[in-house]
Amino acid sequence: MIRLGNGLYVCHLNGHVLKVVYKGNNECEIYLGDEFQGRAPFDYVKKKLSLMEKRWSTSKIQKYQYKELHSTFNQLI
């Protein structure tokens, strides 16, 4: 989780960008991409996201590049 200015935290998990906005009084808003998902206690969210980042090694995940299947079967029988 990366802390930016003004109480904004950004987390990259499994190809998704999570934004956590700290509102004060241990309350935060959670955004998946740019879509609002809800409010939650900040300490709980930060703890769980940190555990998920450590458990999931998402740095090596790559998006699948579609490749057309070509047959190499020889039909000269």
C-alpha atoms as a PDB file:
ATOM      1  CA  MET A   1       0.000   0.000   0.000  1.00  0.00           C
ATOM      2  CA  ILE A   2       1.377   3.382  -1.008  1.00  0.00           C
ATOM      3  CA  ARG A   3       0.509   6.508   0.953  1.00  0.00           C
ATOM      4  CA  LEU A   4      -0.086   9.609  -1.130  1.00  0.00           C
ATOM      5  CA  GLY A   5      -0.969  13.086   0.118  1.00  0.00           C
ATOM      6  CA  ASN A   6      -4.218  14.130   1.817  1.00  0.00           C
ATOM      7  CA  GLY A   7      -5.037  10.718   3.308  1.00  0.00           C
ATOM      8  CA  LEU A   8      -5.105   8.843  -0.001  1.00  0.00           C
ATOM      9  CA  TYR A   9      -3.697   5.309  -0.099  1.00  0.00           C
ATOM     10  CA  VAL A  10      -3.301   3.235  -3.267  1.00  0.00           C
ATOM     11  CA  CYS A  11      -2.994  -0.550  -3.375  1.00  0.00           C
ATOM     12  CA  HIS A  12      -2.446  -2.765  -6.442  1.00  0.00           C
ATOM     13  CA  LEU A  13      -3.809  -6.304  -5.953  1.00  0.00           C
ATOM     14  CA  ASN A  14      -4.262  -8.970  -8.582  1.00  0.00           C
ATOM     15  CA  GLY A  15      -4.520  -6.489 -11.433  1.00  0.00           C
ATOM     16  CA  HIS A  16      -6.966  -4.190  -9.623  1.00  0.00           C
ATOM     17  CA  VAL A  17      -6.295  -0.744  -8.203  1.00  0.00           C
ATOM     18  CA  LEU A  18      -7.790  -0.086  -4.776  1.00  0.00           C
ATOM     19  CA  LYS A  19      -7.971   3.445  -3.435  1.00  0.00           C
ATOM     20  CA  VAL A  20      -8.503   4.024   0.263  1.00  0.00           C
ATOM     21  CA  VAL A  21      -9.379   7.560   1.352  1.00  0.00           C
ATOM     22  CA  TYR A  22      -8.893   8.260   5.062  1.00  0.00           C
ATOM     23  CA  LYS A  23     -11.696  10.513   6.318  1.00  0.00           C
ATOM     24  CA  GLY A  24     -10.530  10.853   9.928  1.00  0.00           C
ATOM     25  CA  ASN A  25     -11.828   9.334  13.140  1.00  0.00           C
ATOM     26  CA  ASN A  26     -10.625   5.857  11.993  1.00  0.00           C
ATOM     27  CA  GLU A  27     -13.018   5.864   9.019  1.00  0.00           C
ATOM     28  CA  CYS A  28     -12.168   5.414   5.349  1.00  0.00           C
ATOM     29  CA  GLU A  29     -13.841   5.078   1.975  1.00  0.00           C
ATOM     30  CA  ILE A  30     -12.855   2.277  -0.408  1.00  0.00           C
ATOM     31  CA  TYR A  31     -12.811   2.643  -4.199  1.00  0.00           C
ATOM     32  CA  LEU A  32     -12.217  -0.183  -6.675  1.00  0.00           C
ATOM     33  CA  GLY A  33     -10.924   1.588  -9.757  1.00  0.00           C
ATOM     34  CA  ASP A  34     -12.998   4.766  -9.554  1.00  0.00           C
ATOM     35  CA  GLU A  35     -16.183   3.108  -8.270  1.00  0.00           C
ATOM     36  CA  PHE A  36     -17.180   3.675  -4.629  1.00  0.00           C
ATOM     37  CA  GLN A  37     -17.472   0.382  -2.710  1.00  0.00           C
ATOM     38  CA  GLY A  38     -18.230   1.522   0.829  1.00  0.00           C
ATOM     39  CA  ARG A  39     -16.904   2.718   4.182  1.00  0.00           C
ATOM     40  CA  ALA A  40     -14.972   0.753   6.779  1.00  0.00           C
ATOM     41  CA  PRO A  41     -12.683   1.152   9.802  1.00  0.00           C
ATOM     42  CA  PHE A  42      -9.309   2.352   8.499  1.00  0.00           C
ATOM     43  CA  ASP A  43      -7.073   0.260  10.768  1.00  0.00           C
ATOM     44  CA  TYR A  44      -8.880  -2.950   9.785  1.00  0.00           C
ATOM     45  CA  VAL A  45      -8.673  -2.179   6.043  1.00  0.00           C
ATOM     46  CA  LYS A  46      -4.999  -1.248   6.206  1.00  0.00           C
ATOM     47  CA  LYS A  47      -4.146  -4.421   8.160  1.00  0.00           C
ATOM     48  CA  LYS A  48      -6.046  -6.710   5.775  1.00  0.00           C
ATOM     49  CA  LEU A  49      -4.669  -5.105   2.603  1.00  0.00           C
ATOM     50  CA  SER A  50      -1.117  -5.345   3.941  1.00  0.00           C
ATOM     51  CA  LEU A  51      -1.620  -9.055   4.680  1.00  0.00           C
ATOM     52  CA  MET A  52      -3.069  -9.646   1.210  1.00  0.00           C
ATOM     53  CA  GLU A  53      -0.144  -7.846  -0.451  1.00  0.00           C
ATOM     54  CA  LYS A  54       2.327 -10.018   1.452  1.00  0.00           C
ATOM     55  CA  ARG A  55       0.440 -13.244   0.711  1.00  0.00           C
ATOM     56  CA  TRP A  56      -0.230 -12.627  -2.976  1.00  0.00           C
ATOM     57  CA  SER A  57       2.845 -12.010  -5.049  1.00  0.00           C
ATOM     58  CA  THR A  58       1.038  -9.916  -7.647  1.00  0.00           C
ATOM     59  CA  SER A  59       4.170  -8.326  -9.047  1.00  0.00           C
ATOM     60  CA  LYS A  60       4.666 -11.214 -11.498  1.00  0.00           C
ATOM     61  CA  ILE A  61       1.067 -11.449 -12.750  1.00  0.00           C
ATOM     62  CA  GLN A  62       0.793 -10.539 -16.421  1.00  0.00           C
ATOM     63  CA  LYS A  63      -2.294 -10.060 -18.547  1.00  0.00           C
ATOM     64  CA  TYR A  64      -2.827 -12.902 -20.997  1.00  0.00           C
ATOM     65  CA  GLN A  65      -1.902 -12.094 -24.584  1.00  0.00           C
ATOM     66  CA  TYR A  66      -4.332 -13.919 -26.883  1.00  0.00           C
ATOM     67  CA  LYS A  67      -2.597 -15.978 -29.553  1.00  0.00           C
ATOM     68  CA  GLU A  68      -4.346 -17.843 -32.340  1.00  0.00           C
ATOM     69  CA  LEU A  69      -3.947 -21.605 -32.216  1.00  0.00           C
ATOM     70  CA  HIS A  70      -2.106 -22.999 -35.243  1.00  0.00           C
ATOM     71  CA  SER A  71      -2.055 -26.734 -35.896  1.00  0.00           C
ATOM     72  CA  THR A  72       1.236 -28.384 -36.735  1.00  0.00           C
ATOM     73  CA  PHE A  73      -0.366 -31.757 -37.476  1.00  0.00           C
ATOM     74  CA  ASN A  74       0.921 -33.275 -40.726  1.00  0.00           C
ATOM     75  CA  GLN A  75      -1.909 -34.694 -42.892  1.00  0.00           C
ATOM     76  CA  LEU A  76       0.282 -36.504 -45.489  1.00  0.00           C
ATOM     77  CA  ILE A  77      -0.807 -40.029 -44.597  1.00  0.00           C
END
